[in-house]
Amino acid sequence: MASGLESYVNHTVSIITSDGRNFIGTLKGFDQTINLILDESHERVYSTTQGVEQVVLGLHIIRGDNVAIVGEIDDEMDARLDLSTIRADPLSSITH
């Protein structure tokens, strides 16, 4: 997985963690255990009753053993989303 992350460095990515959290930010670096460094990051908190809350985090490190999914975000498409109208159940934790 680490070699596939090289193409995401300095791009906006979405990280979903095994505890069901969703982080968005610019991938600045990673190591062999998939510890990730995000800059200009925020967490998107989903709710069934109100829009998506964005919690600003700034520089943020995510431990590799907690990373479930990494994907690149299309900045133009993401900017067109109206997060205040999106309703969704929060993601559940992954159980082994």
N, C-alpha and C. Protein backbone atom coordinates (compact mmCIF):
# COMPACT_ATOMS: atom_id res chain seq x y z
N MET A 1 0.82 -1.20 0.00
CA MET A 1 0.00 0.00 0.00
C MET A 1 0.86 1.25 0.00
N ALA A 2 1.99 1.22 0.69
CA ALA A 2 2.82 2.42 0.81
C ALA A 2 3.28 2.93 -0.55
N SER A 3 3.68 2.04 -1.45
CA SER A 3 4.15 2.50 -2.76
C SER A 3 3.03 3.16 -3.55
N GLY A 4 1.80 2.77 -3.35
CA GLY A 4 0.67 3.38 -4.03
C GLY A 4 0.33 4.76 -3.50
N LEU A 5 0.78 5.07 -2.30
CA LEU A 5 0.50 6.38 -1.70
C LEU A 5 1.37 7.49 -2.27
N GLU A 6 2.49 7.14 -2.89
CA GLU A 6 3.40 8.16 -3.41
C GLU A 6 2.71 9.11 -4.37
N SER A 7 1.79 8.62 -5.16
CA SER A 7 1.10 9.46 -6.13
C SER A 7 0.11 10.42 -5.47
N TYR A 8 -0.23 10.18 -4.20
CA TYR A 8 -1.17 11.04 -3.48
C TYR A 8 -0.50 12.17 -2.71
N VAL A 9 0.83 12.14 -2.58
CA VAL A 9 1.54 13.17 -1.82
C VAL A 9 1.30 14.53 -2.48
N ASN A 10 0.98 15.52 -1.63
CA ASN A 10 0.64 16.89 -2.03
C ASN A 10 -0.70 17.00 -2.77
N HIS A 11 -1.55 15.97 -2.65
CA HIS A 11 -2.90 16.00 -3.18
C HIS A 11 -3.89 15.90 -2.02
N THR A 12 -5.11 16.34 -2.26
CA THR A 12 -6.15 16.24 -1.25
C THR A 12 -6.67 14.80 -1.20
N VAL A 13 -6.71 14.24 0.00
CA VAL A 13 -7.15 12.85 0.17
C VAL A 13 -8.23 12.78 1.24
N SER A 14 -8.99 11.70 1.18
CA SER A 14 -9.95 11.35 2.22
C SER A 14 -9.45 10.07 2.86
N ILE A 15 -9.39 10.09 4.19
CA ILE A 15 -8.96 8.93 4.95
C ILE A 15 -10.14 8.46 5.80
N ILE A 16 -10.50 7.20 5.69
CA ILE A 16 -11.49 6.61 6.58
C ILE A 16 -10.74 5.67 7.50
N THR A 17 -10.94 5.85 8.79
CA THR A 17 -10.22 5.06 9.77
C THR A 17 -11.06 3.88 10.23
N SER A 18 -10.42 2.93 10.87
CA SER A 18 -11.12 1.73 11.32
C SER A 18 -12.14 2.02 12.41
N ASP A 19 -12.05 3.18 13.06
CA ASP A 19 -13.07 3.55 14.05
C ASP A 19 -14.18 4.39 13.43
N GLY A 20 -14.22 4.51 12.09
CA GLY A 20 -15.33 5.14 11.40
C GLY A 20 -15.23 6.64 11.22
N ARG A 21 -14.05 7.23 11.42
CA ARG A 21 -13.89 8.67 11.24
C ARG A 21 -13.44 8.97 9.81
N ASN A 22 -13.77 10.18 9.31
CA ASN A 22 -13.43 10.59 7.96
C ASN A 22 -12.62 11.88 8.03
N PHE A 23 -11.36 11.80 7.60
CA PHE A 23 -10.47 12.96 7.60
C PHE A 23 -10.18 13.37 6.18
N ILE A 24 -10.16 14.69 5.93
CA ILE A 24 -9.85 15.25 4.63
C ILE A 24 -8.66 16.18 4.82
N GLY A 25 -7.68 16.11 3.92
CA GLY A 25 -6.54 17.01 4.01
C GLY A 25 -5.53 16.74 2.91
N THR A 26 -4.47 17.52 2.91
CA THR A 26 -3.39 17.36 1.94
C THR A 26 -2.37 16.38 2.50
N LEU A 27 -2.16 15.27 1.81
CA LEU A 27 -1.20 14.28 2.26
C LEU A 27 0.21 14.84 2.08
N LYS A 28 0.92 14.99 3.19
CA LYS A 28 2.27 15.54 3.15
C LYS A 28 3.34 14.46 3.26
N GLY A 29 3.00 13.32 3.83
CA GLY A 29 3.99 12.26 3.94
C GLY A 29 3.42 11.03 4.58
N PHE A 30 4.21 9.95 4.54
CA PHE A 30 3.81 8.68 5.14
C PHE A 30 5.08 7.86 5.35
N ASP A 31 4.97 6.80 6.12
CA ASP A 31 6.10 5.92 6.33
C ASP A 31 5.72 4.49 6.00
N GLN A 32 6.63 3.55 6.28
CA GLN A 32 6.41 2.16 5.89
C GLN A 32 5.27 1.49 6.63
N THR A 33 4.84 2.05 7.75
CA THR A 33 3.71 1.49 8.49
C THR A 33 2.41 2.26 8.22
N ILE A 34 2.41 3.06 7.17
CA ILE A 34 1.25 3.84 6.70
C ILE A 34 0.81 4.90 7.72
N ASN A 35 1.70 5.35 8.61
CA ASN A 35 1.39 6.54 9.40
C ASN A 35 1.31 7.69 8.41
N LEU A 36 0.24 8.48 8.48
CA LEU A 36 -0.01 9.52 7.49
C LEU A 36 0.08 10.90 8.12
N ILE A 37 0.65 11.86 7.39
CA ILE A 37 0.70 13.25 7.82
C ILE A 37 -0.19 14.04 6.88
N LEU A 38 -1.23 14.67 7.46
CA LEU A 38 -2.14 15.52 6.69
C LEU A 38 -1.94 16.97 7.09
N ASP A 39 -1.96 17.87 6.13
CA ASP A 39 -1.89 19.31 6.39
C ASP A 39 -3.22 19.92 5.95
N GLU A 40 -3.55 21.05 6.55
CA GLU A 40 -4.81 21.75 6.24
C GLU A 40 -5.98 20.77 6.31
N SER A 41 -6.03 19.99 7.37
CA SER A 41 -7.01 18.91 7.46
C SER A 41 -8.23 19.29 8.29
N HIS A 42 -9.27 18.52 8.07
CA HIS A 42 -10.49 18.63 8.88
C HIS A 42 -11.15 17.25 8.93
N GLU A 43 -11.97 17.07 9.95
CA GLU A 43 -12.74 15.84 10.07
C GLU A 43 -14.18 16.15 9.69
N ARG A 44 -14.78 15.29 8.90
CA ARG A 44 -16.19 15.43 8.56
C ARG A 44 -16.99 14.50 9.47
N VAL A 45 -17.91 15.11 10.21
CA VAL A 45 -18.74 14.35 11.14
C VAL A 45 -20.15 14.31 10.57
N TYR A 46 -20.64 13.11 10.30
CA TYR A 46 -21.94 12.92 9.66
C TYR A 46 -23.04 12.72 10.70
N SER A 47 -24.26 13.14 10.33
CA SER A 47 -25.41 13.05 11.22
C SER A 47 -26.66 12.79 10.38
N THR A 48 -27.63 12.11 10.97
CA THR A 48 -28.89 11.88 10.26
C THR A 48 -29.85 13.05 10.43
N THR A 49 -29.57 13.97 11.35
CA THR A 49 -30.50 15.06 11.64
C THR A 49 -30.03 16.43 11.18
N GLN A 50 -28.74 16.59 10.93
CA GLN A 50 -28.22 17.89 10.48
C GLN A 50 -27.12 17.66 9.47
N GLY A 51 -26.67 18.74 8.84
CA GLY A 51 -25.64 18.63 7.81
C GLY A 51 -24.31 18.13 8.36
N VAL A 52 -23.38 17.96 7.47
CA VAL A 52 -22.05 17.47 7.83
C VAL A 52 -21.29 18.58 8.56
N GLU A 53 -20.80 18.26 9.75
CA GLU A 53 -19.98 19.21 10.50
C GLU A 53 -18.53 18.99 10.11
N GLN A 54 -17.80 20.09 9.90
CA GLN A 54 -16.38 20.00 9.58
C GLN A 54 -15.58 20.56 10.74
N VAL A 55 -14.80 19.72 11.38
CA VAL A 55 -13.98 20.12 12.52
C VAL A 55 -12.56 20.37 12.01
N VAL A 56 -12.11 21.61 12.09
CA VAL A 56 -10.79 21.97 11.58
C VAL A 56 -9.71 21.43 12.51
N LEU A 57 -8.70 20.76 11.91
CA LEU A 57 -7.63 20.13 12.68
C LEU A 57 -6.26 20.71 12.35
N GLY A 58 -6.07 21.24 11.15
CA GLY A 58 -4.75 21.73 10.74
C GLY A 58 -3.83 20.57 10.42
N LEU A 59 -2.60 20.60 10.98
CA LEU A 59 -1.65 19.51 10.77
C LEU A 59 -2.07 18.34 11.65
N HIS A 60 -2.20 17.16 11.05
CA HIS A 60 -2.75 16.01 11.78
C HIS A 60 -2.02 14.74 11.36
N ILE A 61 -1.74 13.86 12.33
CA ILE A 61 -1.09 12.58 12.05
C ILE A 61 -2.07 11.46 12.36
N ILE A 62 -2.19 10.52 11.46
CA ILE A 62 -3.06 9.36 11.64
C ILE A 62 -2.18 8.12 11.68
N ARG A 63 -2.34 7.34 12.75
CA ARG A 63 -1.55 6.11 12.89
C ARG A 63 -1.93 5.10 11.81
N GLY A 64 -0.94 4.45 11.26
CA GLY A 64 -1.15 3.51 10.17
C GLY A 64 -2.04 2.34 10.51
N ASP A 65 -1.99 1.87 11.77
CA ASP A 65 -2.82 0.73 12.13
C ASP A 65 -4.29 1.08 12.25
N ASN A 66 -4.61 2.37 12.13
CA ASN A 66 -6.00 2.81 12.19
C ASN A 66 -6.56 3.18 10.81
N VAL A 67 -5.73 3.13 9.77
CA VAL A 67 -6.15 3.52 8.42
C VAL A 67 -6.88 2.35 7.76
N ALA A 68 -8.10 2.62 7.28
CA ALA A 68 -8.86 1.60 6.56
C ALA A 68 -8.86 1.87 5.06
N ILE A 69 -9.10 3.14 4.66
CA ILE A 69 -9.21 3.50 3.24
C ILE A 69 -8.54 4.85 3.02
N VAL A 70 -7.80 4.96 1.92
CA VAL A 70 -7.22 6.23 1.48
C VAL A 70 -7.65 6.45 0.05
N GLY A 71 -8.18 7.63 -0.24
CA GLY A 71 -8.58 7.93 -1.62
C GLY A 71 -8.36 9.39 -1.94
N GLU A 72 -8.05 9.67 -3.20
CA GLU A 72 -7.85 11.05 -3.64
C GLU A 72 -9.19 11.72 -3.87
N ILE A 73 -9.26 13.01 -3.54
CA ILE A 73 -10.49 13.79 -3.70
C ILE A 73 -10.33 14.74 -4.89
N ASP A 74 -11.36 14.84 -5.71
CA ASP A 74 -11.41 15.82 -6.78
C ASP A 74 -11.80 17.14 -6.14
N ASP A 75 -10.86 18.09 -6.06
CA ASP A 75 -11.09 19.36 -5.36
C ASP A 75 -12.26 20.15 -5.95
N GLU A 76 -12.39 20.16 -7.26
CA GLU A 76 -13.48 20.92 -7.89
C GLU A 76 -14.84 20.32 -7.54
N MET A 77 -14.95 19.01 -7.61
CA MET A 77 -16.21 18.34 -7.29
C MET A 77 -16.55 18.51 -5.81
N ASP A 78 -15.54 18.39 -4.95
CA ASP A 78 -15.75 18.53 -3.52
C ASP A 78 -16.21 19.95 -3.17
N ALA A 79 -15.69 20.95 -3.87
CA ALA A 79 -16.07 22.34 -3.60
C ALA A 79 -17.53 22.60 -3.98
N ARG A 80 -18.08 21.82 -4.90
CA ARG A 80 -19.48 22.00 -5.32
C ARG A 80 -20.47 21.35 -4.36
N LEU A 81 -20.00 20.50 -3.45
CA LEU A 81 -20.90 19.84 -2.50
C LEU A 81 -21.44 20.84 -1.49
N ASP A 82 -22.74 20.76 -1.21
CA ASP A 82 -23.35 21.54 -0.14
C ASP A 82 -23.47 20.61 1.07
N LEU A 83 -22.45 20.63 1.92
CA LEU A 83 -22.40 19.70 3.05
C LEU A 83 -23.52 19.94 4.05
N SER A 84 -24.12 21.13 4.05
CA SER A 84 -25.19 21.41 5.00
C SER A 84 -26.47 20.63 4.67
N THR A 85 -26.58 20.11 3.45
CA THR A 85 -27.78 19.39 3.06
C THR A 85 -27.60 17.87 3.09
N ILE A 86 -26.39 17.42 3.35
CA ILE A 86 -26.11 15.98 3.34
C ILE A 86 -26.44 15.38 4.70
N ARG A 87 -27.22 14.31 4.68
CA ARG A 87 -27.57 13.57 5.89
C ARG A 87 -27.10 12.14 5.72
N ALA A 88 -26.47 11.59 6.74
CA ALA A 88 -25.98 10.22 6.65
C ALA A 88 -25.75 9.68 8.05
N ASP A 89 -25.88 8.37 8.17
CA ASP A 89 -25.53 7.72 9.43
C ASP A 89 -24.01 7.78 9.60
N PRO A 90 -23.54 8.05 10.81
CA PRO A 90 -22.10 7.98 11.03
C PRO A 90 -21.60 6.57 10.75
N LEU A 91 -20.36 6.43 10.31
CA LEU A 91 -19.79 5.12 10.02
C LEU A 91 -19.55 4.37 11.33
N SER A 92 -19.76 3.08 11.30
CA SER A 92 -19.49 2.25 12.47
C SER A 92 -18.03 1.85 12.49
N SER A 93 -17.55 1.47 13.65
CA SER A 93 -16.19 0.95 13.78
C SER A 93 -16.11 -0.40 13.09
N ILE A 94 -14.92 -0.72 12.61
CA ILE A 94 -14.69 -2.04 12.02
C ILE A 94 -14.48 -3.03 13.15
N THR A 95 -15.19 -4.14 13.08
CA THR A 95 -15.01 -5.18 14.10
C THR A 95 -14.32 -6.37 13.46
N HIS A 96 -13.40 -6.95 14.20
CA HIS A 96 -12.62 -8.09 13.67
C HIS A 96 -13.17 -9.38 14.18
